[in-house]
Amino acid sequence: MVTLPREEPHRARGIAESFGIDPQRYDRARPRYPDVMVRQIVAESPGRTMLDVGCGTGIAARQFRSAGCDVLGVDVDPRMAEFARRGGFDVEVSTFEDWDAKGRTFDAVVAGQTWHWVEPVRGAAKAAKVLRPNGRLALFWNAAEPPADLSREFADVYRRVAPNSIASRGSAMRAVDGYSALADKAADGVRSDSRFGEPQRWLFDWEHRFSRDEWLDQVPTTADHAQFPSAQLTKLLDGIGAVIDAAGGSLW
């Protein structure tokens, strides 16, 4: 249940800068990324110095560090940056477009679940400027696909409780299709800079199972949920929880 905000995502600064409202929950609830993807990005890069754009709490950064990389983070939200620093990362607070690289260069620029908050043309130009020869720009998203029957019922809850939300507006779209649209925008930005070749599209099918409580824990960390009034968010979580309970108390 993903779609673009009515305005271009990188212009929706209120949403883009809202994820740090509860960094502990964000770090606990958000899924990691498939290890095979991390290994492939590292293998395709000329070295192991990485810049993580929109590093958040350090979810992807930890995986790249475990793969032997040296990771510097950039994030717009000082709350997220502070959480990642406690995990041992250097993090600089800035939008990527306005970030001062101070002459530093990297073997790869990576961005997990964040590049749609970056202006695609300016972002690609900045990435090209800070990449070493043969460096890689790797942009990736998780697209959650609950069982189809539950997805339809979740969409009904959104239309009833939060009809103007991003999830409600995108309820007819499969998550993978919504994220494909984001990837298309990113690819167009990359194509605008002659220093890059033609973008490649990789798809990694992987499985992460959520319990009822784990699913409800991650819902407030997504899209525009941080901007919901508390009563509306409670009603939404109650509605989604009721759907899962009716299905036997589990998503699978």
Protein backbone atom coordinates (compact mmCIF):
# COMPACT_ATOMS: atom_id res chain seq x y z
CA MET A 1 0.00 0.00 0.00
CA VAL A 2 2.44 2.59 -1.24
CA THR A 3 2.06 5.53 -3.58
CA LEU A 4 3.66 8.89 -4.08
CA PRO A 5 2.42 11.78 -1.95
CA ARG A 6 0.28 14.26 -3.87
CA GLU A 7 3.38 16.43 -4.09
CA GLU A 8 6.76 15.07 -5.14
CA PRO A 9 8.15 13.15 -2.12
CA HIS A 10 11.30 15.27 -1.81
CA ARG A 11 9.06 18.34 -1.41
CA ALA A 12 7.03 16.73 1.41
CA ARG A 13 9.49 17.87 4.05
CA GLY A 14 7.06 17.41 6.93
CA ILE A 15 6.88 13.70 6.19
CA ALA A 16 10.55 13.34 5.25
CA GLU A 17 11.67 14.82 8.57
CA SER A 18 9.12 13.06 10.80
CA PHE A 19 10.63 9.59 11.13
CA GLY A 20 12.84 10.51 14.07
CA ILE A 21 9.87 11.03 16.38
CA ASP A 22 10.57 7.59 17.91
CA PRO A 23 13.95 6.29 16.75
CA GLN A 24 13.87 3.37 19.19
CA ARG A 25 10.67 2.05 17.65
CA TYR A 26 11.95 2.72 14.14
CA ASP A 27 15.11 0.75 14.72
CA ARG A 28 13.29 -2.08 16.48
CA ALA A 29 10.41 -2.45 14.07
CA ARG A 30 11.75 -1.75 10.60
CA PRO A 31 12.93 -4.80 8.67
CA ARG A 32 16.54 -5.20 7.63
CA TYR A 33 17.63 -5.80 4.03
CA PRO A 34 18.49 -9.11 2.35
CA ASP A 35 22.12 -10.05 3.00
CA VAL A 36 22.50 -11.22 -0.60
CA MET A 37 21.75 -7.67 -1.75
CA VAL A 38 24.29 -6.17 0.63
CA ARG A 39 26.94 -8.64 -0.54
CA GLN A 40 26.22 -7.87 -4.19
CA ILE A 41 26.50 -4.11 -3.67
CA VAL A 42 29.82 -4.59 -1.89
CA ALA A 43 31.08 -6.94 -4.62
CA GLU A 44 30.14 -4.44 -7.36
CA SER A 45 31.92 -1.54 -5.62
CA PRO A 46 35.63 -0.79 -6.17
CA GLY A 47 36.28 -0.61 -2.42
CA ARG A 48 34.56 -0.66 0.94
CA THR A 49 34.11 2.99 1.87
CA MET A 50 30.40 3.73 1.89
CA LEU A 51 28.28 6.87 2.26
CA ASP A 52 24.81 6.03 3.63
CA VAL A 53 22.31 8.72 2.57
CA GLY A 54 19.39 9.02 4.97
CA CYS A 55 21.07 6.52 7.28
CA GLY A 56 18.35 6.85 9.92
CA THR A 57 19.13 4.74 12.96
CA GLY A 58 21.81 2.80 11.09
CA ILE A 59 19.84 -0.25 9.95
CA ALA A 60 21.53 -0.58 6.56
CA ALA A 61 24.79 0.86 7.86
CA ARG A 62 25.12 -1.99 10.36
CA GLN A 63 24.68 -4.53 7.59
CA PHE A 64 27.35 -2.90 5.44
CA ARG A 65 29.66 -2.66 8.44
CA SER A 66 29.16 -6.38 9.07
CA ALA A 67 30.17 -6.93 5.44
CA GLY A 68 33.49 -5.22 6.14
CA CYS A 69 32.66 -1.67 5.06
CA ASP A 70 33.56 1.68 6.58
CA VAL A 71 30.32 3.69 6.64
CA LEU A 72 29.69 7.42 7.02
CA GLY A 73 26.07 8.46 7.50
CA VAL A 74 24.18 11.57 6.41
CA ASP A 75 20.69 12.20 7.77
CA VAL A 76 18.42 15.22 7.92
CA ASP A 77 17.06 14.33 11.37
CA PRO A 78 19.34 14.94 14.38
CA ARG A 79 17.32 12.45 16.47
CA MET A 80 18.04 9.66 14.02
CA ALA A 81 21.66 10.75 13.71
CA GLU A 82 22.17 10.61 17.46
CA PHE A 83 20.73 7.09 17.63
CA ALA A 84 23.08 5.92 14.86
CA ARG A 85 26.05 7.55 16.58
CA ARG A 86 25.33 5.50 19.68
CA GLY A 87 25.78 2.49 17.41
CA GLY A 88 29.30 3.61 16.58
CA PHE A 89 28.73 5.50 13.30
CA ASP A 90 29.87 8.95 12.30
CA VAL A 91 26.75 10.78 11.10
CA GLU A 92 26.49 14.30 9.71
CA VAL A 93 23.16 16.14 9.86
CA SER A 94 22.06 17.63 6.55
CA THR A 95 19.91 17.08 3.53
CA PHE A 96 22.01 15.19 1.01
CA GLU A 97 21.57 17.87 -1.63
CA ASP A 98 23.11 20.52 0.68
CA TRP A 99 25.62 18.27 2.43
CA ASP A 100 29.25 19.43 2.33
CA ALA A 101 31.48 16.50 1.39
CA LYS A 102 34.62 18.55 2.19
CA GLY A 103 36.49 16.86 -0.61
CA ARG A 104 35.81 13.33 0.60
CA THR A 105 35.03 10.57 -1.88
CA PHE A 106 33.53 7.10 -1.53
CA ASP A 107 33.45 3.74 -3.25
CA ALA A 108 29.66 3.60 -3.01
CA VAL A 109 26.76 5.86 -2.12
CA VAL A 110 23.90 3.79 -0.73
CA ALA A 111 20.38 4.76 0.32
CA GLY A 112 17.91 2.36 1.91
CA GLN A 113 14.27 3.41 1.86
CA THR A 114 15.24 7.09 1.57
CA TRP A 115 16.14 8.25 -1.94
CA HIS A 116 12.57 9.38 -2.72
CA TRP A 117 13.12 12.12 -0.13
CA VAL A 118 16.09 13.38 -2.20
CA GLU A 119 15.54 15.64 -5.23
CA PRO A 120 16.45 13.13 -7.95
CA VAL A 121 18.50 15.33 -10.28
CA ARG A 122 20.42 17.20 -7.57
CA GLY A 123 20.88 13.97 -5.64
CA ALA A 124 22.35 12.14 -8.62
CA ALA A 125 24.70 15.06 -9.31
CA LYS A 126 25.91 15.11 -5.70
CA ALA A 127 26.42 11.34 -5.70
CA ALA A 128 28.42 11.50 -8.93
CA LYS A 129 30.61 14.22 -7.44
CA VAL A 130 31.54 12.21 -4.32
CA LEU A 131 32.02 8.81 -5.96
CA ARG A 132 35.49 7.51 -6.76
CA PRO A 133 36.22 6.17 -10.26
CA ASN A 134 33.97 3.15 -10.92
CA GLY A 135 32.07 3.89 -7.72
CA ARG A 136 28.48 2.74 -7.36
CA LEU A 137 25.22 4.47 -6.47
CA ALA A 138 22.95 1.82 -4.90
CA LEU A 139 19.35 2.80 -4.07
CA PHE A 140 17.07 0.20 -2.53
CA TRP A 141 13.66 -0.24 -0.93
CA ASN A 142 11.79 -2.98 0.93
CA ALA A 143 8.32 -3.60 -0.53
CA ALA A 144 6.22 -5.50 2.02
CA GLU A 145 3.59 -7.81 0.56
CA PRO A 146 1.20 -9.22 3.19
CA PRO A 147 -1.21 -11.91 2.00
CA ALA A 148 -3.63 -10.47 -0.57
CA ASP A 149 -6.75 -10.96 1.54
CA LEU A 150 -5.21 -9.15 4.50
CA SER A 151 -3.93 -6.37 2.24
CA ARG A 152 -7.47 -5.75 1.02
CA GLU A 153 -8.81 -5.61 4.57
CA PHE A 154 -5.98 -3.35 5.71
CA ALA A 155 -6.87 -1.04 2.81
CA ASP A 156 -10.49 -0.96 4.01
CA VAL A 157 -9.31 0.12 7.46
CA TYR A 158 -7.21 2.93 5.96
CA ARG A 159 -10.07 4.15 3.79
CA ARG A 160 -12.34 4.22 6.83
CA VAL A 161 -9.97 5.65 9.44
CA ALA A 162 -7.39 7.63 7.44
CA PRO A 163 -8.91 8.35 4.02
CA ASN A 164 -6.43 11.10 3.16
CA SER A 165 -3.33 9.12 4.09
CA ILE A 166 -0.68 7.96 1.64
CA ALA A 167 -1.60 4.34 2.34
CA SER A 168 -5.27 4.98 1.63
CA ARG A 169 -4.54 6.73 -1.65
CA GLY A 170 -2.30 3.86 -2.72
CA SER A 171 -4.46 1.02 -1.44
CA ALA A 172 -5.23 -0.30 -4.92
CA MET A 173 -1.53 -0.59 -5.77
CA ARG A 174 0.74 -3.51 -4.91
CA ALA A 175 3.66 -2.38 -2.78
CA VAL A 176 6.20 -3.60 -5.30
CA ASP A 177 4.50 -1.47 -7.98
CA GLY A 178 4.54 1.60 -5.76
CA TYR A 179 8.23 1.21 -5.05
CA SER A 180 8.88 0.53 -8.72
CA ALA A 181 7.46 4.01 -9.39
CA LEU A 182 9.90 5.47 -6.87
CA ALA A 183 12.75 3.57 -8.53
CA ASP A 184 11.68 4.92 -11.92
CA LYS A 185 11.93 8.49 -10.60
CA ALA A 186 15.36 7.74 -9.16
CA ALA A 187 16.52 6.19 -12.44
CA ASP A 188 15.41 9.27 -14.37
CA GLY A 189 17.51 11.40 -12.05
CA VAL A 190 20.53 9.17 -12.59
CA ARG A 191 20.08 9.35 -16.36
CA SER A 192 20.18 13.14 -16.15
CA ASP A 193 23.86 13.00 -15.19
CA SER A 194 26.26 11.89 -17.92
CA ARG A 195 28.77 10.65 -15.37
CA PHE A 196 26.54 7.61 -14.79
CA GLY A 197 25.80 4.77 -17.16
CA GLU A 198 22.34 3.27 -17.67
CA PRO A 199 20.83 2.29 -14.29
CA GLN A 200 20.42 -1.39 -13.51
CA ARG A 201 17.35 -2.76 -11.72
CA TRP A 202 17.80 -5.66 -9.30
CA LEU A 203 14.98 -7.49 -7.54
CA PHE A 204 15.59 -9.67 -4.48
CA ASP A 205 12.72 -11.82 -3.29
CA TRP A 206 13.04 -12.53 0.41
CA GLU A 207 10.83 -13.33 3.35
CA HIS A 208 10.51 -11.67 6.73
CA ARG A 209 7.71 -12.97 8.94
CA PHE A 210 5.89 -10.58 11.28
CA SER A 211 3.87 -11.53 14.30
CA ARG A 212 0.71 -9.52 14.95
CA ASP A 213 2.48 -7.29 17.47
CA GLU A 214 5.54 -6.84 15.27
CA TRP A 215 3.36 -5.70 12.38
CA LEU A 216 1.50 -3.21 14.54
CA ASP A 217 4.80 -1.98 15.97
CA GLN A 218 6.13 -1.03 12.53
CA VAL A 219 2.97 0.61 11.17
CA PRO A 220 3.58 3.99 12.91
CA THR A 221 7.11 4.14 11.44
CA THR A 222 5.89 4.23 7.84
CA ALA A 223 4.86 6.96 5.39
CA ASP A 224 2.90 9.83 6.99
CA HIS A 225 1.79 7.98 10.14
CA ALA A 226 3.90 10.14 12.46
CA GLN A 227 1.65 13.06 11.53
CA PHE A 228 -1.59 11.31 12.51
CA PRO A 229 -3.33 12.59 15.66
CA SER A 230 -2.85 10.06 18.45
CA ALA A 231 -6.55 9.13 18.55
CA GLN A 232 -6.58 8.46 14.81
CA LEU A 233 -3.42 6.35 15.01
CA THR A 234 -4.88 4.33 17.89
CA LYS A 235 -8.05 3.70 15.92
CA LEU A 236 -6.03 2.66 12.90
CA LEU A 237 -3.92 0.21 14.89
CA ASP A 238 -7.02 -1.19 16.58
CA GLY A 239 -8.61 -1.73 13.18
CA ILE A 240 -5.56 -3.43 11.68
CA GLY A 241 -5.14 -5.53 14.81
CA ALA A 242 -8.77 -6.66 14.58
CA VAL A 243 -8.20 -7.76 10.97
CA ILE A 244 -5.22 -9.86 12.01
CA ASP A 245 -7.09 -11.31 14.98
CA ALA A 246 -9.96 -12.32 12.71
CA ALA A 247 -7.44 -14.10 10.46
CA GLY A 248 -6.22 -16.20 13.37
CA GLY A 249 -3.85 -13.78 15.07
CA SER A 250 -1.03 -14.00 12.55
CA LEU A 251 -0.20 -12.50 9.17
CA TRP A 252 0.80 -15.91 7.79
